[in-house]
Amino acid sequence: MSAALFHMIAGAPEPVGPFSHATEAEGWVFITGQMPTYPGSPEAAIPEGIAAQTHLVIDNLAQVLAGLGLDLRDVLRVGAYLTHFEEDYPVFNRLYGEYFAAGRLPARTCIGVTALARGARVEIDLIARRPSIAPSYAQRRGQVRAP
């Protein structure tokens, strides 16, 4: 097993606590939950409402992924956390769905929580996999030989 990597991405939003933007091992990339904060302006007020916050959070996640040479197509799992679950879930789902192709929706858990840092309404974390590392299902099942 190769050593774990701990990534801080230049230009990505500053973490709101003592953690890396992402960690990586064996081609698996774990992206820390992103908040609706602005890169380069960590003390700026976060936008109002679930729509603006969702877009900003996903933009921040995309920026971290890009800093690692990845994008949303490499995401396999999403964890989403909403403080106003009943009120925000329908809008969040609609906006979230705009970022992923219909046939390539990551596995996802969406949880209602009592509070998030900075008074945010949404936080999202990701698990991605580097395409050059991940064997296909057929390869894992022994139906196709790996090159």
N, C-alpha and C. Protein backbone atom coordinates (compact mmCIF):
# COMPACT_ATOMS: atom_id res chain seq x y z
N MET A 1 0.85 -1.18 0.00
CA MET A 1 0.00 0.00 0.00
C MET A 1 0.89 1.24 0.00
N SER A 2 0.57 2.19 -0.85
CA SER A 2 1.34 3.42 -0.92
C SER A 2 0.97 4.35 0.24
N ALA A 3 1.87 5.28 0.53
CA ALA A 3 1.65 6.23 1.61
C ALA A 3 0.49 7.15 1.27
N ALA A 4 -0.23 7.54 2.29
CA ALA A 4 -1.33 8.49 2.11
C ALA A 4 -0.77 9.86 1.75
N LEU A 5 -1.54 10.58 0.94
CA LEU A 5 -1.21 11.95 0.57
C LEU A 5 -2.22 12.88 1.23
N PHE A 6 -1.74 14.04 1.65
CA PHE A 6 -2.58 15.05 2.29
C PHE A 6 -2.47 16.31 1.44
N HIS A 7 -3.60 16.74 0.87
CA HIS A 7 -3.60 17.82 -0.12
C HIS A 7 -4.19 19.11 0.42
N MET A 8 -3.49 20.20 0.19
CA MET A 8 -4.03 21.55 0.35
C MET A 8 -3.96 22.17 -1.04
N ILE A 9 -5.07 22.68 -1.54
CA ILE A 9 -5.19 23.15 -2.91
C ILE A 9 -5.09 24.67 -2.94
N ALA A 10 -4.09 25.17 -3.66
CA ALA A 10 -3.92 26.61 -3.81
C ALA A 10 -5.16 27.20 -4.48
N GLY A 11 -5.66 28.29 -3.91
CA GLY A 11 -6.82 28.97 -4.49
C GLY A 11 -8.16 28.43 -4.03
N ALA A 12 -8.17 27.28 -3.37
CA ALA A 12 -9.43 26.74 -2.84
C ALA A 12 -9.77 27.48 -1.55
N PRO A 13 -11.03 27.40 -1.13
CA PRO A 13 -11.41 28.07 0.12
C PRO A 13 -10.58 27.57 1.30
N GLU A 14 -10.26 28.47 2.20
CA GLU A 14 -9.53 28.07 3.40
C GLU A 14 -10.43 27.20 4.26
N PRO A 15 -9.92 26.08 4.77
CA PRO A 15 -10.74 25.25 5.65
C PRO A 15 -11.17 26.02 6.89
N VAL A 16 -12.34 25.69 7.40
CA VAL A 16 -12.84 26.36 8.60
C VAL A 16 -12.33 25.69 9.87
N GLY A 17 -11.49 24.68 9.72
CA GLY A 17 -10.91 23.97 10.86
C GLY A 17 -9.56 23.38 10.47
N PRO A 18 -8.94 22.63 11.38
CA PRO A 18 -7.62 22.06 11.11
C PRO A 18 -7.70 20.74 10.33
N PHE A 19 -7.85 20.84 9.02
CA PHE A 19 -7.90 19.65 8.18
C PHE A 19 -7.46 19.98 6.77
N SER A 20 -7.13 18.94 6.01
CA SER A 20 -6.71 19.07 4.62
C SER A 20 -7.93 19.23 3.73
N HIS A 21 -7.71 19.78 2.53
CA HIS A 21 -8.79 19.82 1.55
C HIS A 21 -9.16 18.40 1.11
N ALA A 22 -8.14 17.54 1.02
CA ALA A 22 -8.38 16.17 0.59
C ALA A 22 -7.26 15.27 1.08
N THR A 23 -7.57 14.00 1.21
CA THR A 23 -6.56 12.98 1.46
C THR A 23 -6.72 11.93 0.38
N GLU A 24 -5.64 11.19 0.14
CA GLU A 24 -5.66 10.24 -0.98
C GLU A 24 -4.82 9.02 -0.64
N ALA A 25 -5.32 7.86 -1.03
CA ALA A 25 -4.58 6.62 -0.89
C ALA A 25 -5.08 5.63 -1.94
N GLU A 26 -4.15 4.98 -2.62
CA GLU A 26 -4.49 3.93 -3.59
C GLU A 26 -5.49 4.40 -4.65
N GLY A 27 -5.42 5.67 -5.04
CA GLY A 27 -6.31 6.20 -6.06
C GLY A 27 -7.65 6.69 -5.54
N TRP A 28 -7.94 6.42 -4.26
CA TRP A 28 -9.16 6.93 -3.65
C TRP A 28 -8.88 8.32 -3.12
N VAL A 29 -9.78 9.26 -3.41
CA VAL A 29 -9.61 10.65 -2.99
C VAL A 29 -10.82 11.06 -2.14
N PHE A 30 -10.53 11.49 -0.92
CA PHE A 30 -11.56 11.87 0.04
C PHE A 30 -11.53 13.39 0.18
N ILE A 31 -12.57 14.05 -0.29
CA ILE A 31 -12.65 15.50 -0.29
C ILE A 31 -13.40 15.95 0.97
N THR A 32 -12.74 16.79 1.76
CA THR A 32 -13.34 17.33 2.96
C THR A 32 -14.61 18.10 2.61
N GLY A 33 -15.57 18.06 3.49
CA GLY A 33 -16.80 18.83 3.30
C GLY A 33 -16.48 20.30 3.06
N GLN A 34 -17.11 20.84 2.03
CA GLN A 34 -16.92 22.25 1.71
C GLN A 34 -18.12 23.05 2.18
N MET A 35 -17.83 24.27 2.57
CA MET A 35 -18.83 25.21 3.06
C MET A 35 -19.10 26.26 1.98
N PRO A 36 -20.16 27.02 2.11
CA PRO A 36 -20.44 28.09 1.15
C PRO A 36 -19.63 29.34 1.47
N THR A 37 -18.31 29.19 1.46
CA THR A 37 -17.40 30.30 1.71
C THR A 37 -16.68 30.65 0.42
N TYR A 38 -16.17 31.86 0.36
CA TYR A 38 -15.54 32.35 -0.86
C TYR A 38 -14.03 32.17 -0.81
N PRO A 39 -13.45 31.55 -1.84
CA PRO A 39 -11.99 31.41 -1.90
C PRO A 39 -11.33 32.79 -1.81
N GLY A 40 -10.33 32.91 -0.96
CA GLY A 40 -9.62 34.16 -0.81
C GLY A 40 -10.28 35.16 0.12
N SER A 41 -11.51 34.87 0.54
CA SER A 41 -12.24 35.77 1.45
C SER A 41 -12.92 34.95 2.54
N PRO A 42 -12.15 34.29 3.38
CA PRO A 42 -12.74 33.38 4.35
C PRO A 42 -13.66 34.04 5.37
N GLU A 43 -13.50 35.32 5.59
CA GLU A 43 -14.34 36.01 6.59
C GLU A 43 -15.57 36.67 5.97
N ALA A 44 -15.68 36.65 4.65
CA ALA A 44 -16.84 37.25 3.99
C ALA A 44 -18.11 36.51 4.40
N ALA A 45 -19.20 37.25 4.49
CA ALA A 45 -20.48 36.65 4.83
C ALA A 45 -20.86 35.61 3.78
N ILE A 46 -21.42 34.49 4.23
CA ILE A 46 -21.86 33.48 3.28
C ILE A 46 -23.17 33.94 2.64
N PRO A 47 -23.47 33.47 1.43
CA PRO A 47 -24.70 33.93 0.77
C PRO A 47 -25.94 33.41 1.49
N GLU A 48 -27.03 34.10 1.29
CA GLU A 48 -28.31 33.72 1.88
C GLU A 48 -28.96 32.62 1.03
N GLY A 49 -29.65 31.72 1.67
CA GLY A 49 -30.51 30.76 0.99
C GLY A 49 -29.79 29.52 0.48
N ILE A 50 -30.58 28.46 0.37
CA ILE A 50 -30.03 27.16 -0.04
C ILE A 50 -29.54 27.16 -1.48
N ALA A 51 -30.19 27.88 -2.38
CA ALA A 51 -29.75 27.87 -3.78
C ALA A 51 -28.35 28.45 -3.93
N ALA A 52 -28.14 29.64 -3.43
CA ALA A 52 -26.82 30.28 -3.56
C ALA A 52 -25.76 29.48 -2.82
N GLN A 53 -26.11 28.96 -1.65
CA GLN A 53 -25.13 28.19 -0.89
C GLN A 53 -24.78 26.88 -1.59
N THR A 54 -25.77 26.20 -2.16
CA THR A 54 -25.50 24.93 -2.86
C THR A 54 -24.58 25.17 -4.04
N HIS A 55 -24.86 26.18 -4.85
CA HIS A 55 -23.98 26.47 -5.99
C HIS A 55 -22.56 26.76 -5.54
N LEU A 56 -22.39 27.56 -4.50
CA LEU A 56 -21.06 27.92 -4.02
C LEU A 56 -20.33 26.70 -3.46
N VAL A 57 -21.02 25.86 -2.72
CA VAL A 57 -20.39 24.65 -2.18
C VAL A 57 -19.92 23.75 -3.32
N ILE A 58 -20.75 23.52 -4.31
CA ILE A 58 -20.36 22.64 -5.42
C ILE A 58 -19.24 23.28 -6.24
N ASP A 59 -19.27 24.59 -6.43
CA ASP A 59 -18.15 25.28 -7.09
C ASP A 59 -16.86 25.07 -6.30
N ASN A 60 -16.92 25.16 -4.97
CA ASN A 60 -15.74 24.95 -4.14
C ASN A 60 -15.23 23.51 -4.26
N LEU A 61 -16.14 22.56 -4.27
CA LEU A 61 -15.74 21.17 -4.45
C LEU A 61 -15.09 20.95 -5.81
N ALA A 62 -15.66 21.55 -6.84
CA ALA A 62 -15.09 21.43 -8.19
C ALA A 62 -13.68 22.02 -8.23
N GLN A 63 -13.46 23.10 -7.49
CA GLN A 63 -12.14 23.72 -7.45
C GLN A 63 -11.12 22.80 -6.78
N VAL A 64 -11.51 22.15 -5.70
CA VAL A 64 -10.62 21.20 -5.04
C VAL A 64 -10.33 20.03 -5.97
N LEU A 65 -11.37 19.49 -6.59
CA LEU A 65 -11.18 18.39 -7.53
C LEU A 65 -10.23 18.80 -8.66
N ALA A 66 -10.44 19.97 -9.22
CA ALA A 66 -9.59 20.44 -10.33
C ALA A 66 -8.13 20.55 -9.89
N GLY A 67 -7.91 20.99 -8.66
CA GLY A 67 -6.55 21.08 -8.14
C GLY A 67 -5.87 19.73 -8.02
N LEU A 68 -6.66 18.68 -8.06
CA LEU A 68 -6.14 17.32 -8.00
C LEU A 68 -6.16 16.63 -9.36
N GLY A 69 -6.53 17.39 -10.40
CA GLY A 69 -6.62 16.80 -11.74
C GLY A 69 -7.86 15.95 -11.93
N LEU A 70 -8.90 16.21 -11.16
CA LEU A 70 -10.15 15.46 -11.23
C LEU A 70 -11.30 16.41 -11.49
N ASP A 71 -12.49 15.85 -11.70
CA ASP A 71 -13.70 16.67 -11.80
C ASP A 71 -14.88 15.87 -11.29
N LEU A 72 -16.06 16.44 -11.37
CA LEU A 72 -17.25 15.80 -10.82
C LEU A 72 -17.55 14.45 -11.45
N ARG A 73 -17.06 14.20 -12.65
CA ARG A 73 -17.27 12.88 -13.27
C ARG A 73 -16.52 11.77 -12.54
N ASP A 74 -15.54 12.13 -11.73
CA ASP A 74 -14.76 11.14 -10.99
C ASP A 74 -15.34 10.83 -9.61
N VAL A 75 -16.41 11.51 -9.24
CA VAL A 75 -17.02 11.35 -7.92
C VAL A 75 -17.88 10.09 -7.89
N LEU A 76 -17.67 9.27 -6.84
CA LEU A 76 -18.43 8.04 -6.68
C LEU A 76 -19.42 8.10 -5.52
N ARG A 77 -19.14 8.94 -4.55
CA ARG A 77 -20.03 9.07 -3.39
C ARG A 77 -20.08 10.50 -2.91
N VAL A 78 -21.27 10.91 -2.49
CA VAL A 78 -21.50 12.26 -1.97
C VAL A 78 -22.18 12.15 -0.62
N GLY A 79 -21.72 12.96 0.31
CA GLY A 79 -22.41 13.14 1.59
C GLY A 79 -22.87 14.58 1.66
N ALA A 80 -24.15 14.78 1.87
CA ALA A 80 -24.72 16.14 1.94
C ALA A 80 -25.40 16.31 3.28
N TYR A 81 -25.25 17.51 3.84
CA TYR A 81 -25.76 17.81 5.17
C TYR A 81 -26.54 19.12 5.09
N LEU A 82 -27.81 19.07 5.50
CA LEU A 82 -28.70 20.23 5.41
C LEU A 82 -29.23 20.58 6.80
N THR A 83 -29.18 21.86 7.16
CA THR A 83 -29.69 22.28 8.46
C THR A 83 -31.19 22.55 8.45
N HIS A 84 -31.76 22.81 7.30
CA HIS A 84 -33.20 23.04 7.16
C HIS A 84 -33.74 21.98 6.20
N PHE A 85 -33.64 20.72 6.62
CA PHE A 85 -33.86 19.60 5.72
C PHE A 85 -35.21 19.65 5.01
N GLU A 86 -36.28 19.71 5.73
CA GLU A 86 -37.62 19.67 5.11
C GLU A 86 -37.82 20.82 4.14
N GLU A 87 -37.36 21.99 4.50
CA GLU A 87 -37.52 23.18 3.66
C GLU A 87 -36.60 23.16 2.44
N ASP A 88 -35.36 22.72 2.62
CA ASP A 88 -34.34 22.85 1.57
C ASP A 88 -34.16 21.64 0.67
N TYR A 89 -34.61 20.46 1.10
CA TYR A 89 -34.35 19.23 0.35
C TYR A 89 -34.82 19.28 -1.11
N PRO A 90 -36.04 19.72 -1.41
CA PRO A 90 -36.46 19.75 -2.82
C PRO A 90 -35.58 20.67 -3.68
N VAL A 91 -35.26 21.85 -3.20
CA VAL A 91 -34.44 22.79 -3.97
C VAL A 91 -33.02 22.23 -4.11
N PHE A 92 -32.48 21.71 -3.02
CA PHE A 92 -31.14 21.12 -3.06
C PHE A 92 -31.09 20.01 -4.11
N ASN A 93 -32.05 19.10 -4.11
CA ASN A 93 -32.06 18.00 -5.07
C ASN A 93 -32.08 18.50 -6.51
N ARG A 94 -32.90 19.49 -6.77
CA ARG A 94 -33.00 20.02 -8.13
C ARG A 94 -31.66 20.59 -8.57
N LEU A 95 -31.04 21.40 -7.73
CA LEU A 95 -29.76 22.02 -8.09
C LEU A 95 -28.65 20.98 -8.17
N TYR A 96 -28.59 20.09 -7.22
CA TYR A 96 -27.59 19.02 -7.20
C TYR A 96 -27.65 18.23 -8.50
N GLY A 97 -28.85 17.89 -8.94
CA GLY A 97 -29.03 17.10 -10.15
C GLY A 97 -28.49 17.75 -11.41
N GLU A 98 -28.32 19.06 -11.39
CA GLU A 98 -27.79 19.78 -12.56
C GLU A 98 -26.29 19.55 -12.75
N TYR A 99 -25.60 19.05 -11.74
CA TYR A 99 -24.15 18.91 -11.79
C TYR A 99 -23.68 17.52 -12.23
N PHE A 100 -24.59 16.55 -12.31
CA PHE A 100 -24.20 15.19 -12.66
C PHE A 100 -25.05 14.68 -13.81
N ALA A 101 -24.44 13.92 -14.71
CA ALA A 101 -25.15 13.32 -15.84
C ALA A 101 -26.14 12.28 -15.31
N ALA A 102 -27.28 12.17 -15.95
CA ALA A 102 -28.35 11.28 -15.49
C ALA A 102 -27.87 9.84 -15.30
N GLY A 103 -27.04 9.35 -16.16
CA GLY A 103 -26.57 7.97 -16.06
C GLY A 103 -25.34 7.80 -15.19
N ARG A 104 -24.86 8.88 -14.57
CA ARG A 104 -23.64 8.81 -13.76
C ARG A 104 -23.83 9.51 -12.41
N LEU A 105 -24.92 9.20 -11.77
CA LEU A 105 -25.20 9.81 -10.46
C LEU A 105 -24.42 9.06 -9.38
N PRO A 106 -23.61 9.77 -8.59
CA PRO A 106 -22.89 9.11 -7.51
C PRO A 106 -23.85 8.58 -6.45
N ALA A 107 -23.40 7.58 -5.70
CA ALA A 107 -24.14 7.17 -4.51
C ALA A 107 -24.18 8.39 -3.59
N ARG A 108 -25.27 8.54 -2.83
CA ARG A 108 -25.37 9.74 -2.00
C ARG A 108 -26.16 9.48 -0.74
N THR A 109 -25.74 10.14 0.32
CA THR A 109 -26.50 10.22 1.55
C THR A 109 -26.75 11.69 1.82
N CYS A 110 -27.98 12.04 2.18
CA CYS A 110 -28.32 13.42 2.51
C CYS A 110 -28.96 13.39 3.89
N ILE A 111 -28.35 14.12 4.81
CA ILE A 111 -28.74 14.05 6.21
C ILE A 111 -29.13 15.43 6.74
N GLY A 112 -30.19 15.47 7.52
CA GLY A 112 -30.56 16.69 8.23
C GLY A 112 -29.74 16.79 9.50
N VAL A 113 -29.13 17.94 9.72
CA VAL A 113 -28.30 18.16 10.90
C VAL A 113 -28.77 19.42 11.63
N THR A 114 -28.37 19.55 12.89
CA THR A 114 -28.84 20.69 13.68
C THR A 114 -28.07 21.97 13.39
N ALA A 115 -26.80 21.86 13.02
CA ALA A 115 -26.00 23.07 12.76
C ALA A 115 -24.77 22.72 11.95
N LEU A 116 -24.27 23.71 11.23
CA LEU A 116 -23.02 23.62 10.48
C LEU A 116 -22.18 24.85 10.79
N ALA A 117 -20.88 24.75 10.57
CA ALA A 117 -19.98 25.88 10.80
C ALA A 117 -20.44 27.10 10.02
N ARG A 118 -20.16 28.26 10.58
CA ARG A 118 -20.45 29.55 9.95
C ARG A 118 -21.93 29.79 9.70
N GLY A 119 -22.80 28.98 10.29
CA GLY A 119 -24.24 29.16 10.09
C GLY A 119 -24.72 28.72 8.72
N ALA A 120 -23.93 27.90 8.04
CA ALA A 120 -24.29 27.44 6.70
C ALA A 120 -25.53 26.55 6.74
N ARG A 121 -26.24 26.50 5.63
CA ARG A 121 -27.40 25.63 5.48
C ARG A 121 -27.02 24.30 4.83
N VAL A 122 -25.84 24.25 4.17
CA VAL A 122 -25.44 23.04 3.45
C VAL A 122 -23.92 22.86 3.53
N GLU A 123 -23.52 21.61 3.62
CA GLU A 123 -22.12 21.20 3.49
C GLU A 123 -22.13 19.90 2.71
N ILE A 124 -21.13 19.72 1.84
CA ILE A 124 -21.05 18.51 1.02
C ILE A 124 -19.62 18.00 1.04
N ASP A 125 -19.47 16.67 1.22
CA ASP A 125 -18.17 16.04 1.07
C ASP A 125 -18.25 14.99 -0.04
N LEU A 126 -17.11 14.56 -0.53
CA LEU A 126 -17.06 13.66 -1.68
C LEU A 126 -16.03 12.56 -1.49
N ILE A 127 -16.27 11.46 -2.19
CA ILE A 127 -15.24 10.45 -2.41
C ILE A 127 -15.15 10.27 -3.92
N ALA A 128 -13.91 10.39 -4.42
CA ALA A 128 -13.66 10.22 -5.85
C ALA A 128 -12.62 9.12 -6.04
N ARG A 129 -12.46 8.69 -7.28
CA ARG A 129 -11.48 7.67 -7.62
C ARG A 129 -10.77 8.10 -8.89
N ARG A 130 -9.46 8.01 -8.87
CA ARG A 130 -8.69 8.33 -10.08
C ARG A 130 -9.00 7.29 -11.14
N PRO A 131 -9.42 7.71 -12.33
CA PRO A 131 -9.83 6.76 -13.37
C PRO A 131 -8.74 5.78 -13.78
N SER A 132 -7.49 6.21 -13.80
CA SER A 132 -6.41 5.33 -14.25
C SER A 132 -6.12 4.23 -13.24
N ILE A 133 -6.63 4.35 -12.04
CA ILE A 133 -6.37 3.38 -10.98
C ILE A 133 -7.53 2.40 -10.84
N ALA A 134 -8.73 2.88 -11.01
CA ALA A 134 -9.91 2.08 -10.74
C ALA A 134 -10.11 1.00 -11.80
N PRO A 135 -10.10 -0.27 -11.39
CA PRO A 135 -10.39 -1.33 -12.38
C PRO A 135 -11.87 -1.33 -12.72
N SER A 136 -12.18 -1.72 -13.93
CA SER A 136 -13.58 -1.80 -14.32
C SER A 136 -14.24 -2.98 -13.61
N TYR A 137 -15.54 -2.97 -13.58
CA TYR A 137 -16.29 -4.07 -12.96
C TYR A 137 -15.94 -5.38 -13.64
N ALA A 138 -15.87 -5.37 -14.97
CA ALA A 138 -15.53 -6.59 -15.72
C ALA A 138 -14.14 -7.09 -15.34
N GLN A 139 -13.18 -6.19 -15.16
CA GLN A 139 -11.84 -6.61 -14.75
C GLN A 139 -11.87 -7.24 -13.36
N ARG A 140 -12.61 -6.65 -12.45
CA ARG A 140 -12.68 -7.20 -11.10
C ARG A 140 -13.33 -8.57 -11.09
N ARG A 141 -14.27 -8.80 -11.98
CA ARG A 141 -14.97 -10.07 -12.05
C ARG A 141 -14.19 -11.11 -12.86
N GLY A 142 -13.01 -10.72 -13.39
CA GLY A 142 -12.19 -11.64 -14.14
C GLY A 142 -12.65 -11.86 -15.56
N GLN A 143 -13.57 -11.01 -16.04
CA GLN A 143 -14.09 -11.16 -17.39
C GLN A 143 -13.21 -10.49 -18.42
N VAL A 144 -12.39 -9.55 -18.00
CA VAL A 144 -11.48 -8.84 -18.91
C VAL A 144 -10.15 -8.76 -18.20
N ARG A 145 -9.10 -9.03 -18.90
CA ARG A 145 -7.78 -8.92 -18.30
C ARG A 145 -7.33 -7.48 -18.30
N ALA A 146 -6.73 -7.09 -17.20
CA ALA A 146 -6.17 -5.74 -17.10
C ALA A 146 -4.96 -5.66 -18.00
N PRO A 147 -4.72 -4.49 -18.62
CA PRO A 147 -3.55 -4.35 -19.50
C PRO A 147 -2.25 -4.53 -18.75
